[in-house]
Amino acid sequence: MPGRATFDYAKVSNEVHRTNVPQPKLLKTSMIKIVECPRDAMQGMEKFIPTSSKVEYINQLLRVGFDTIDFGSFVSPKAIPQMRDTHEVLAQLDISITKSKLLAIVANVRGGEEACSQALVSYIGFPLSISETFQVRNTNSTIPEALNTLNELKNIADKASKKLVVYISMGFGNPYKDPYDPEIVLKFTGILKSIGADVISLADTIGTAKPSEIQALFRSLTSQYPTLEFGVHLHSHPATAKEKVEAAFNAGCRRFDGALLGFGGCPMANDELVGNIDTSVILQMLSEKNYSGLVNSMELQKALEIAGRIFSH
């Protein structure tokens, strides 16, 4: 892509219209938040999962006690055919049985308006890549265009009393030889802070980050931006999953994305076993850190049984 290697972060920062964002107080880091991501686990599956199965599964996940359920996306059905029934799924979810909040992924302003019109949705999530190549592939927009979309999404979310979650995709490197350095992540975080992102989640999109890299980057971000809420959305081979989430925890992370059974992941990963971190691995690690009783174990077992049926093929 022309000009990609000389991307001007300062110029992009100036081009994005900055809203007057009130400065939040310092965050309390003791509260654990687990985000269960059935949407990410399902969206790459070629065989369409019946709407009734999605509703059964997500309603069961709502009983488990997760902080947030990343349940669906308001994107083009041509882009993500598996999520074409998000409206139908949402209409059948029972939030009277839960304290969990619902998160929907969007890729443009139209999707943001759709998501924010839904009373049951608390969070809208947007994937911002620091790889220009992946941003174009993922949302059909350049990085500057995506940042301006984010600014509009923030205004829409504020009016609807929703929160904006931004995923920094390719946050630990990319396979396209686009420029990458932890300092680039810090610069993007500064831009996102000026826009007013409520949560920033570091995404190891292709599952290549080492525990030491996860720990170092997370510590740098929380040290420089102590008022922001950060999380991690890690992909990993099962053999290295626990050490990655533990590295994030040791660096102060208290918000973890996962998917039961570890399905999903990025098609650009070189290893087909690289998927989402299995939520059970996250719960095990937290239990060893004396964070137990975060979820209802009986309801979790029921969710695992449904997950086994859905993902068996």
Protein backbone atom coordinates (compact mmCIF):
# COMPACT_ATOMS: atom_id res chain seq x y z
CA MET A 1 0.00 0.00 0.00
CA PRO A 2 1.51 3.38 -0.99
CA GLY A 3 3.01 5.30 1.89
CA ARG A 4 2.49 2.48 4.37
CA ALA A 5 6.08 2.33 5.56
CA THR A 6 6.15 6.06 6.30
CA PHE A 7 2.90 6.21 8.25
CA ASP A 8 2.75 9.55 10.08
CA TYR A 9 1.18 8.94 13.50
CA ALA A 10 1.39 12.57 14.57
CA LYS A 11 -0.40 13.66 11.41
CA VAL A 12 -3.15 11.08 11.90
CA SER A 13 -3.56 12.18 15.50
CA ASN A 14 -4.08 15.75 14.34
CA GLU A 15 -6.50 14.71 11.58
CA VAL A 16 -8.82 12.97 14.02
CA HIS A 17 -11.33 15.39 15.49
CA ARG A 18 -10.80 15.13 19.23
CA THR A 19 -13.76 15.26 21.55
CA ASN A 20 -13.59 16.93 24.95
CA VAL A 21 -13.07 13.82 27.02
CA PRO A 22 -13.27 14.25 30.80
CA GLN A 23 -10.29 12.80 32.62
CA PRO A 24 -11.29 9.65 34.54
CA LYS A 25 -10.08 8.80 37.99
CA LEU A 26 -7.33 6.27 38.56
CA LEU A 27 -8.65 2.78 38.04
CA LYS A 28 -9.05 0.23 40.79
CA THR A 29 -7.28 -2.88 39.50
CA SER A 30 -8.65 -5.47 41.91
CA MET A 31 -11.86 -6.28 40.00
CA ILE A 32 -11.58 -9.25 37.64
CA LYS A 33 -13.56 -9.06 34.41
CA ILE A 34 -13.91 -12.09 32.17
CA VAL A 35 -15.30 -11.51 28.70
CA GLU A 36 -16.67 -14.65 27.07
CA CYS A 37 -16.55 -14.47 23.26
CA PRO A 38 -18.92 -16.91 21.52
CA ARG A 39 -19.06 -14.49 18.58
CA ASP A 40 -15.33 -14.83 17.97
CA ALA A 41 -15.49 -18.60 18.39
CA MET A 42 -18.34 -18.98 15.91
CA GLN A 43 -17.74 -16.38 13.23
CA GLY A 44 -15.15 -18.31 11.25
CA MET A 45 -17.14 -21.54 11.05
CA GLU A 46 -18.29 -22.30 7.51
CA LYS A 47 -21.33 -24.37 8.46
CA PHE A 48 -24.09 -22.06 9.67
CA ILE A 49 -24.98 -22.60 13.31
CA PRO A 50 -28.78 -22.55 13.71
CA THR A 51 -30.13 -19.47 15.43
CA SER A 52 -31.83 -21.64 18.03
CA SER A 53 -28.47 -23.20 18.97
CA LYS A 54 -26.84 -19.80 19.33
CA VAL A 55 -29.71 -18.59 21.52
CA GLU A 56 -29.53 -21.70 23.72
CA TYR A 57 -25.77 -21.35 24.13
CA ILE A 58 -25.63 -17.61 24.80
CA ASN A 59 -28.55 -17.75 27.23
CA GLN A 60 -26.65 -20.44 29.12
CA LEU A 61 -23.49 -18.31 29.09
CA LEU A 62 -25.53 -15.49 30.60
CA ARG A 63 -26.23 -17.74 33.59
CA VAL A 64 -22.55 -18.46 34.24
CA GLY A 65 -21.59 -15.08 35.68
CA PHE A 66 -19.15 -13.61 33.17
CA ASP A 67 -18.73 -9.85 33.26
CA THR A 68 -19.47 -9.49 29.54
CA ILE A 69 -20.64 -11.68 26.65
CA ASP A 70 -19.30 -10.79 23.20
CA PHE A 71 -22.39 -12.27 21.58
CA GLY A 72 -22.58 -11.04 17.97
CA SER A 73 -21.73 -8.40 15.41
CA PHE A 74 -23.55 -5.81 13.36
CA VAL A 75 -21.53 -6.18 10.18
CA SER A 76 -22.27 -7.05 6.59
CA PRO A 77 -23.60 -10.61 6.25
CA LYS A 78 -21.46 -10.91 3.14
CA ALA A 79 -18.37 -10.27 5.26
CA ILE A 80 -19.35 -12.51 8.20
CA PRO A 81 -22.17 -14.87 7.09
CA GLN A 82 -22.20 -16.66 10.45
CA MET A 83 -23.36 -13.48 12.19
CA ARG A 84 -26.22 -12.66 9.83
CA ASP A 85 -28.76 -13.58 12.51
CA THR A 86 -27.43 -11.31 15.27
CA HIS A 87 -30.72 -9.37 15.40
CA GLU A 88 -32.73 -12.60 15.76
CA VAL A 89 -30.38 -13.94 18.44
CA LEU A 90 -30.50 -10.72 20.43
CA ALA A 91 -34.31 -10.67 20.39
CA GLN A 92 -34.34 -14.06 22.15
CA LEU A 93 -31.77 -13.42 24.86
CA ASP A 94 -33.00 -13.29 28.44
CA ILE A 95 -31.01 -10.75 30.45
CA SER A 96 -33.34 -11.11 33.43
CA ILE A 97 -31.27 -14.15 34.43
CA THR A 98 -27.93 -12.37 34.52
CA LYS A 99 -25.76 -9.45 35.53
CA SER A 100 -23.57 -9.98 32.46
CA LYS A 101 -23.41 -7.21 29.88
CA LEU A 102 -23.68 -7.69 26.13
CA LEU A 103 -21.01 -6.55 23.67
CA ALA A 104 -21.45 -6.35 19.89
CA ILE A 105 -18.70 -5.85 17.32
CA VAL A 106 -19.11 -3.23 14.59
CA ALA A 107 -16.93 -2.23 11.65
CA ASN A 108 -18.42 1.10 10.57
CA VAL A 109 -20.77 3.89 11.59
CA ARG A 110 -23.85 2.15 10.22
CA GLY A 111 -23.12 -0.89 12.37
CA GLY A 112 -22.49 1.34 15.36
CA GLU A 113 -25.86 3.02 14.92
CA GLU A 114 -27.55 -0.40 14.70
CA ALA A 115 -25.81 -1.68 17.81
CA CYS A 116 -26.49 1.48 19.80
CA SER A 117 -30.19 1.31 18.93
CA GLN A 118 -30.42 -2.00 20.81
CA ALA A 119 -31.40 -1.50 24.45
CA LEU A 120 -29.81 -4.79 25.56
CA VAL A 121 -26.35 -3.92 24.20
CA SER A 122 -24.02 -2.22 26.70
CA TYR A 123 -20.73 -2.21 24.75
CA ILE A 124 -19.82 -1.72 21.11
CA GLY A 125 -16.45 -3.08 20.05
CA PHE A 126 -14.32 -1.92 17.14
CA PRO A 127 -11.18 -3.65 15.80
CA LEU A 128 -8.45 -1.07 15.14
CA SER A 129 -5.34 -2.55 13.60
CA ILE A 130 -1.92 -0.97 13.79
CA SER A 131 -1.18 -2.89 10.60
CA GLU A 132 -2.47 -0.90 7.64
CA THR A 133 -2.76 -4.08 5.56
CA PHE A 134 -4.92 -5.86 8.13
CA GLN A 135 -7.09 -2.80 8.75
CA VAL A 136 -8.00 -2.67 5.07
CA ARG A 137 -8.63 -6.42 4.96
CA ASN A 138 -10.67 -6.43 8.15
CA THR A 139 -12.82 -3.30 7.84
CA ASN A 140 -12.17 -2.10 4.27
CA SER A 141 -10.76 1.18 5.56
CA THR A 142 -7.36 2.75 6.09
CA ILE A 143 -6.07 3.50 9.56
CA PRO A 144 -6.90 7.25 9.34
CA GLU A 145 -10.40 6.37 8.11
CA ALA A 146 -10.82 3.86 10.94
CA LEU A 147 -9.77 6.45 13.53
CA ASN A 148 -12.32 8.93 12.23
CA THR A 149 -14.93 6.16 12.30
CA LEU A 150 -14.00 5.57 15.93
CA ASN A 151 -14.53 9.24 16.71
CA GLU A 152 -18.03 9.05 15.22
CA LEU A 153 -18.72 5.80 17.06
CA LYS A 154 -17.75 7.41 20.34
CA ASN A 155 -20.23 10.24 19.78
CA ILE A 156 -22.97 7.74 18.86
CA ALA A 157 -22.17 5.55 21.87
CA ASP A 158 -22.20 8.49 24.29
CA LYS A 159 -25.63 9.63 23.07
CA ALA A 160 -26.98 6.09 23.57
CA SER A 161 -25.23 5.63 26.96
CA LYS A 162 -23.10 2.79 25.59
CA LYS A 163 -19.38 2.19 26.13
CA LEU A 164 -16.79 1.91 23.37
CA VAL A 165 -14.29 -0.96 23.44
CA VAL A 166 -11.38 -0.72 21.01
CA TYR A 167 -9.31 -3.78 20.17
CA ILE A 168 -5.76 -3.00 19.07
CA SER A 169 -5.46 -5.75 16.49
CA MET A 170 -2.00 -7.02 15.52
CA GLY A 171 -0.94 -5.44 18.82
CA PHE A 172 2.12 -7.66 19.12
CA GLY A 173 3.23 -7.80 15.49
CA ASN A 174 1.90 -8.75 12.06
CA PRO A 175 2.79 -11.08 9.18
CA TYR A 176 2.60 -8.36 6.52
CA LYS A 177 5.91 -6.61 7.25
CA ASP A 178 4.03 -3.47 8.22
CA PRO A 179 5.94 -1.34 10.74
CA TYR A 180 5.65 -2.62 14.31
CA ASP A 181 7.15 -1.51 17.58
CA PRO A 182 5.70 -1.27 21.13
CA GLU A 183 6.12 2.50 20.84
CA ILE A 184 3.61 2.45 17.96
CA VAL A 185 1.08 0.82 20.31
CA LEU A 186 1.72 3.56 22.88
CA LYS A 187 1.16 6.26 20.25
CA PHE A 188 -2.09 4.69 19.10
CA THR A 189 -3.23 4.42 22.71
CA GLY A 190 -2.69 8.15 23.11
CA ILE A 191 -4.92 8.79 20.10
CA LEU A 192 -7.59 6.44 21.44
CA LYS A 193 -7.47 8.19 24.80
CA SER A 194 -8.07 11.53 23.06
CA ILE A 195 -11.06 10.04 21.22
CA GLY A 196 -12.45 8.77 24.52
CA ALA A 197 -12.29 4.98 24.22
CA ASP A 198 -13.74 3.47 27.38
CA VAL A 199 -11.79 0.20 27.18
CA ILE A 200 -8.69 -0.72 25.16
CA SER A 201 -7.98 -4.42 24.66
CA LEU A 202 -4.61 -5.61 23.36
CA ALA A 203 -5.13 -8.30 20.74
CA ASP A 204 -2.50 -10.86 19.85
CA THR A 205 -4.32 -11.53 16.60
CA ILE A 206 -2.06 -14.23 15.19
CA GLY A 207 -0.93 -15.74 18.48
CA THR A 208 2.78 -14.97 18.20
CA ALA A 209 3.35 -12.86 21.34
CA LYS A 210 5.74 -14.21 23.96
CA PRO A 211 4.82 -13.91 27.66
CA SER A 212 7.69 -11.45 28.21
CA GLU A 213 6.36 -9.24 25.39
CA ILE A 214 2.83 -9.32 26.76
CA GLN A 215 4.03 -8.39 30.23
CA ALA A 216 6.33 -5.60 29.05
CA LEU A 217 3.77 -3.96 26.75
CA PHE A 218 0.96 -4.14 29.30
CA ARG A 219 3.15 -2.60 32.00
CA SER A 220 4.25 0.20 29.67
CA LEU A 221 0.67 1.05 28.75
CA THR A 222 -0.71 1.03 32.28
CA SER A 223 2.24 3.06 33.52
CA GLN A 224 1.83 5.74 30.86
CA TYR A 225 -2.00 5.71 30.87
CA PRO A 226 -3.06 4.81 34.43
CA THR A 227 -6.62 6.15 34.00
CA LEU A 228 -7.51 3.87 31.08
CA GLU A 229 -9.06 0.43 31.39
CA PHE A 230 -7.01 -2.16 29.51
CA GLY A 231 -7.70 -5.78 28.73
CA VAL A 232 -6.20 -8.57 26.66
CA HIS A 233 -7.70 -10.58 23.83
CA LEU A 234 -5.05 -13.23 23.28
CA HIS A 235 -4.85 -16.05 20.77
CA SER A 236 -2.59 -18.96 21.50
CA HIS A 237 -1.65 -22.56 20.89
CA PRO A 238 -3.14 -24.49 23.86
CA ALA A 239 0.33 -25.41 25.13
CA THR A 240 1.32 -21.79 25.73
CA ALA A 241 -2.06 -20.31 26.69
CA LYS A 242 -1.69 -20.35 30.46
CA GLU A 243 1.73 -18.68 30.53
CA LYS A 244 0.41 -15.88 28.31
CA VAL A 245 -2.61 -15.03 30.47
CA GLU A 246 -0.44 -15.32 33.58
CA ALA A 247 2.02 -12.84 32.09
CA ALA A 248 -0.83 -10.39 31.51
CA PHE A 249 -2.10 -10.92 35.06
CA ASN A 250 1.34 -10.36 36.56
CA ALA A 251 1.57 -7.09 34.64
CA GLY A 252 -1.68 -5.87 36.23
CA CYS A 253 -4.29 -6.99 33.71
CA ARG A 254 -7.69 -7.71 35.23
CA ARG A 255 -9.80 -7.95 32.06
CA PHE A 256 -9.46 -11.16 30.03
CA ASP A 257 -11.21 -12.27 26.83
CA GLY A 258 -11.66 -15.98 26.24
CA ALA A 259 -13.82 -18.54 24.47
CA LEU A 260 -14.84 -21.86 25.98
CA LEU A 261 -12.96 -24.76 24.34
CA GLY A 262 -10.58 -22.30 22.66
CA PHE A 263 -12.22 -22.09 19.24
CA GLY A 264 -11.96 -19.13 16.87
CA GLY A 265 -8.81 -17.24 16.06
CA CYS A 266 -7.32 -15.51 13.06
CA PRO A 267 -7.05 -17.27 9.66
CA MET A 268 -3.64 -15.62 9.18
CA ALA A 269 -2.15 -17.71 12.01
CA ASN A 270 0.35 -20.25 10.74
CA ASP A 271 -0.78 -22.94 13.20
CA GLU A 272 -4.37 -24.19 12.91
CA LEU A 273 -4.37 -24.89 16.67
CA VAL A 274 -3.95 -21.17 17.42
CA GLY A 275 -7.38 -20.02 18.55
CA ASN A 276 -8.87 -17.97 21.34
CA ILE A 277 -7.58 -18.61 24.83
CA ASP A 278 -9.84 -21.25 26.40
CA THR A 279 -11.77 -19.49 29.16
CA SER A 280 -11.23 -22.52 31.38
CA VAL A 281 -7.48 -21.79 31.25
CA ILE A 282 -8.14 -18.23 32.39
CA LEU A 283 -10.33 -19.43 35.26
CA GLN A 284 -7.72 -21.99 36.31
CA MET A 285 -4.96 -19.37 36.36
CA LEU A 286 -7.11 -16.97 38.36
CA SER A 287 -8.03 -19.70 40.83
CA GLU A 288 -4.34 -20.31 41.44
CA LYS A 289 -4.02 -16.57 42.16
CA ASN A 290 -6.76 -16.90 44.82
CA TYR A 291 -9.50 -15.50 42.60
CA SER A 292 -12.09 -18.25 42.93
CA GLY A 293 -15.87 -18.22 42.77
CA LEU A 294 -15.86 -15.84 39.80
CA VAL A 295 -18.44 -17.92 37.95
CA ASN A 296 -21.14 -20.45 38.76
CA SER A 297 -19.41 -23.79 38.22
CA MET A 298 -22.63 -25.75 37.67
CA GLU A 299 -23.86 -23.32 35.01
CA LEU A 300 -20.39 -23.31 33.46
CA GLN A 301 -20.51 -27.09 33.09
CA LYS A 302 -23.86 -26.82 31.31
CA ALA A 303 -22.38 -24.22 28.96
CA LEU A 304 -19.44 -26.51 28.22
CA GLU A 305 -21.82 -29.32 27.30
CA ILE A 306 -23.65 -27.08 24.81
CA ALA A 307 -20.34 -25.80 23.45
CA GLY A 308 -19.26 -29.39 22.87
CA ARG A 309 -22.32 -29.97 20.69
CA ILE A 310 -21.97 -26.72 18.74
CA PHE A 311 -18.28 -27.02 17.99
CA SER A 312 -18.09 -30.82 17.62
CA HIS A 313 -18.04 -30.60 13.82
